[in-house]
Amino acid sequence: MNKKSVITVTLKAALTLDGKIATASGHSKWITGEAARKKVHELRNQNDAVLVGINTVIADDPQLTVRGIINGKSPVRIVLDSMARIPEKSKIFKSDGTPVIIVTGNKALSRKWPNLPDIKILTSPTETPEIDWLLFELHKIGLKSLLVEGGSFIYASFLKSSFVDRLVLFISPKIIGGQDALSWCGELGVDHLDKAMQIEISSIDAVGEDWVIDSKIK
């Protein structure tokens, strides 16, 4: 059963028809078309913060800003980075006045952070930051809504925490295949269909060449 968080959590993923978010070699741009990507910017504009894991930053080097939206406002950008591995030249550090929060574990590597006024470091009391702790910390600094954009380990962590309110899946009419291609969701510990996570679909719409499934977690 889904838990109620102090923050509204939306999980967004872009995947192929066979549930992949990258090829075996790590290539992931672009899975969906331009119309679907514009919808993602609309989702960012609707949320106070956007979050990704360190593997997504290293693989894709995203900006996580709002672009192409009139009067759009970029959300606070958050990276879950237990060991403080984020490269200093990451695009996320290119300051546009939008705050960046790096969330590390209590055994993170000691390092010098970029000298920018809008960077905040949150250190978890545990080696790997717990989702409930993180949401409470974000709530304390005034954030009310969070968009989670990947990757597969982060998706699984949030789904297992039962704090996801909304699930938005952008599905491309592409098939990658292969067991080494990266599936959109990591291990959930489901060993029987009776334990499978259930969702309640709110809508299914065509967006350009892709589809978007908007749903809630039961």
Protein backbone atom coordinates (compact mmCIF):
# COMPACT_ATOMS: atom_id res chain seq x y z
CA MET A 1 0.00 0.00 0.00
CA ASN A 2 1.23 3.48 -0.85
CA LYS A 3 2.35 5.69 2.05
CA LYS A 4 1.63 9.40 2.27
CA SER A 5 4.77 11.49 2.13
CA VAL A 6 5.30 15.02 3.39
CA ILE A 7 6.10 15.78 -0.27
CA THR A 8 4.11 14.83 -3.38
CA VAL A 9 6.31 12.45 -5.39
CA THR A 10 5.94 11.91 -9.15
CA LEU A 11 8.08 9.26 -10.83
CA LYS A 12 8.68 9.79 -14.56
CA ALA A 13 10.42 7.36 -16.91
CA ALA A 14 10.96 7.19 -20.67
CA LEU A 15 11.22 3.63 -21.97
CA THR A 16 10.97 1.45 -25.03
CA LEU A 17 8.08 -0.89 -25.74
CA ASP A 18 10.07 -3.70 -24.10
CA GLY A 19 10.77 -1.65 -20.98
CA LYS A 20 14.35 -0.55 -21.65
CA ILE A 21 15.86 2.86 -20.85
CA ALA A 22 19.25 2.29 -22.52
CA THR A 23 21.07 -0.15 -24.77
CA ALA A 24 23.65 -2.57 -23.39
CA SER A 25 26.33 -0.02 -24.33
CA GLY A 26 24.54 2.69 -22.34
CA HIS A 27 23.13 4.68 -25.28
CA SER A 28 19.86 6.35 -24.26
CA LYS A 29 19.35 9.55 -26.30
CA TRP A 30 16.73 9.81 -27.43
CA ILE A 31 14.26 7.06 -26.55
CA THR A 32 11.19 9.27 -26.98
CA GLY A 33 10.39 11.98 -29.50
CA GLU A 34 10.36 15.75 -29.24
CA ALA A 35 6.69 16.01 -28.20
CA ALA A 36 7.21 13.65 -25.27
CA ARG A 37 10.35 15.51 -24.20
CA LYS A 38 8.38 18.76 -24.17
CA LYS A 39 5.89 17.10 -21.81
CA VAL A 40 8.81 16.29 -19.51
CA HIS A 41 9.70 19.98 -19.36
CA GLU A 42 6.07 20.68 -18.44
CA LEU A 43 6.36 18.16 -15.60
CA ARG A 44 9.54 19.84 -14.36
CA ASN A 45 7.78 23.19 -14.47
CA GLN A 46 4.99 21.78 -12.28
CA ASN A 47 7.31 20.52 -9.53
CA ASP A 48 9.45 22.24 -6.92
CA ALA A 49 12.38 19.85 -7.42
CA VAL A 50 13.70 17.20 -9.81
CA LEU A 51 15.89 14.28 -8.70
CA VAL A 52 18.23 11.83 -10.42
CA GLY A 53 20.87 9.38 -9.27
CA ILE A 54 24.59 9.76 -9.80
CA ASN A 55 24.67 7.08 -12.54
CA THR A 56 22.26 9.17 -14.62
CA VAL A 57 24.46 12.24 -14.20
CA ILE A 58 27.59 10.33 -15.22
CA ALA A 59 25.91 8.62 -18.20
CA ASP A 60 23.74 11.45 -19.57
CA ASP A 61 25.07 14.69 -18.00
CA PRO A 62 21.57 16.24 -17.86
CA GLN A 63 20.84 19.91 -17.17
CA LEU A 64 17.51 19.15 -15.43
CA THR A 65 16.23 22.64 -16.26
CA VAL A 66 12.96 23.81 -17.82
CA ARG A 67 13.34 24.80 -21.46
CA GLY A 68 10.85 25.78 -24.15
CA ILE A 69 8.12 26.79 -21.67
CA ILE A 70 6.96 30.42 -21.62
CA ASN A 71 7.59 31.85 -18.14
CA GLY A 72 8.82 28.41 -17.08
CA LYS A 73 10.76 28.05 -13.84
CA SER A 74 13.45 25.41 -13.39
CA PRO A 75 13.05 23.23 -10.29
CA VAL A 76 15.64 22.71 -7.58
CA ARG A 77 17.99 20.04 -8.97
CA ILE A 78 18.86 17.12 -6.70
CA VAL A 79 21.42 14.36 -7.21
CA LEU A 80 21.53 11.25 -5.02
CA ASP A 81 25.27 10.59 -4.84
CA SER A 82 26.14 8.38 -1.85
CA MET A 83 29.91 8.48 -2.42
CA ALA A 84 30.20 12.07 -3.76
CA ARG A 85 31.37 10.94 -7.21
CA ILE A 86 29.71 13.65 -9.32
CA PRO A 87 32.15 15.13 -11.87
CA GLU A 88 32.97 18.79 -11.25
CA LYS A 89 32.32 19.61 -14.93
CA SER A 90 28.74 18.27 -14.85
CA LYS A 91 26.20 20.51 -16.59
CA ILE A 92 24.15 20.59 -13.41
CA PHE A 93 26.84 22.82 -11.88
CA LYS A 94 26.49 25.44 -14.61
CA SER A 95 24.71 27.95 -12.43
CA ASP A 96 21.58 29.65 -13.76
CA GLY A 97 20.44 30.69 -10.31
CA THR A 98 18.63 27.40 -9.76
CA PRO A 99 19.75 25.65 -6.54
CA VAL A 100 21.51 22.29 -6.69
CA ILE A 101 21.36 19.80 -3.81
CA ILE A 102 23.84 16.92 -3.66
CA VAL A 103 22.74 14.17 -1.28
CA THR A 104 25.61 12.04 0.02
CA GLY A 105 25.98 9.15 2.44
CA ASN A 106 27.90 9.30 5.72
CA LYS A 107 30.87 7.49 4.14
CA ALA A 108 31.16 9.76 1.12
CA LEU A 109 34.58 10.64 -0.26
CA SER A 110 36.06 13.86 1.09
CA ARG A 111 36.25 16.35 -1.75
CA LYS A 112 36.23 20.01 -2.70
CA TRP A 113 32.91 21.17 -4.13
CA PRO A 114 32.49 23.82 -6.85
CA ASN A 115 32.47 27.29 -5.31
CA LEU A 116 28.94 28.28 -6.31
CA PRO A 117 26.44 30.02 -4.03
CA ASP A 118 23.50 27.83 -5.02
CA ILE A 119 24.98 24.42 -4.12
CA LYS A 120 23.86 22.66 -0.94
CA ILE A 121 25.25 19.37 0.40
CA LEU A 122 22.92 17.12 2.41
CA THR A 123 24.68 14.31 4.27
CA SER A 124 22.63 11.30 5.27
CA PRO A 125 23.11 9.67 8.70
CA THR A 126 23.40 6.36 6.81
CA GLU A 127 25.78 5.09 4.12
CA THR A 128 22.99 5.09 1.54
CA PRO A 129 20.41 7.88 1.99
CA GLU A 130 16.99 6.55 3.00
CA ILE A 131 14.05 7.85 0.97
CA ASP A 132 11.90 8.77 3.98
CA TRP A 133 14.79 10.73 5.53
CA LEU A 134 15.41 12.53 2.24
CA LEU A 135 11.78 13.54 1.75
CA PHE A 136 11.60 14.90 5.29
CA GLU A 137 14.79 16.93 4.75
CA LEU A 138 13.42 18.37 1.50
CA HIS A 139 10.17 19.20 3.26
CA LYS A 140 12.12 21.09 5.95
CA ILE A 141 13.59 23.43 3.35
CA GLY A 142 10.17 24.20 1.92
CA LEU A 143 9.84 21.82 -1.03
CA LYS A 144 6.34 20.43 -1.61
CA SER A 145 6.65 18.39 -4.81
CA LEU A 146 9.37 16.20 -6.31
CA LEU A 147 9.82 14.76 -9.81
CA VAL A 148 12.02 11.64 -9.90
CA GLU A 149 13.71 11.11 -13.30
CA GLY A 150 15.94 8.08 -12.83
CA GLY A 151 17.79 5.88 -13.19
CA SER A 152 16.61 2.31 -12.64
CA PHE A 153 18.11 1.92 -9.14
CA ILE A 154 16.54 5.22 -8.04
CA TYR A 155 13.17 4.25 -9.52
CA ALA A 156 13.25 0.97 -7.60
CA SER A 157 14.31 2.67 -4.37
CA PHE A 158 11.40 5.09 -4.51
CA LEU A 159 8.87 2.42 -5.50
CA LYS A 160 10.02 0.14 -2.66
CA SER A 161 9.69 3.04 -0.23
CA SER A 162 5.96 3.26 -1.12
CA PHE A 163 6.16 7.07 -1.23
CA VAL A 164 5.38 7.46 -4.95
CA ASP A 165 2.06 9.24 -5.54
CA ARG A 166 2.08 9.39 -9.33
CA LEU A 167 3.77 7.32 -12.03
CA VAL A 168 4.18 8.81 -15.52
CA LEU A 169 5.61 6.47 -18.17
CA PHE A 170 6.52 7.73 -21.63
CA ILE A 171 6.61 4.71 -23.94
CA SER A 172 8.35 4.74 -27.30
CA PRO A 173 7.41 2.39 -30.17
CA LYS A 174 10.96 1.01 -30.21
CA ILE A 175 12.27 -2.40 -29.18
CA ILE A 176 15.87 -2.85 -27.99
CA GLY A 177 15.81 -6.43 -26.72
CA GLY A 178 18.61 -8.30 -24.96
CA GLN A 179 19.09 -9.12 -21.30
CA ASP A 180 22.00 -6.67 -20.98
CA ALA A 181 19.98 -3.64 -22.08
CA LEU A 182 18.98 -1.59 -19.02
CA SER A 183 15.41 -2.11 -17.81
CA TRP A 184 13.63 0.97 -16.50
CA CYS A 185 13.09 -0.35 -12.98
CA GLY A 186 15.64 -2.08 -10.78
CA GLU A 187 15.10 -4.98 -8.38
CA LEU A 188 11.87 -4.80 -6.36
CA GLY A 189 12.15 -8.20 -4.68
CA VAL A 190 8.99 -9.55 -6.32
CA ASP A 191 9.18 -13.36 -6.43
CA HIS A 192 5.47 -14.06 -6.96
CA LEU A 193 2.80 -12.35 -9.05
CA ASP A 194 0.68 -11.85 -5.94
CA LYS A 195 3.39 -9.47 -4.71
CA ALA A 196 3.58 -7.44 -7.93
CA MET A 197 3.06 -3.71 -7.53
CA GLN A 198 -0.39 -2.63 -8.66
CA ILE A 199 -1.11 0.67 -10.39
CA GLU A 200 -4.35 2.45 -11.20
CA ILE A 201 -4.21 3.98 -14.68
CA SER A 202 -5.60 7.50 -14.88
CA SER A 203 -5.05 8.06 -18.61
CA ILE A 204 -3.30 6.77 -21.72
CA ASP A 205 -2.59 9.36 -24.41
CA ALA A 206 -0.66 9.61 -27.65
CA VAL A 207 2.09 12.24 -27.52
CA GLY A 208 3.59 12.64 -30.98
CA GLU A 209 4.98 9.22 -31.92
CA ASP A 210 4.93 7.98 -28.31
CA TRP A 211 2.40 7.17 -25.60
CA VAL A 212 2.16 8.45 -22.05
CA ILE A 213 0.58 6.41 -19.26
CA ASP A 214 -0.37 8.49 -16.22
CA SER A 215 -1.18 6.42 -13.15
CA LYS A 216 -1.31 6.15 -9.38
CA ILE A 217 0.20 3.49 -7.13
CA LYS A 218 -2.45 1.49 -5.30
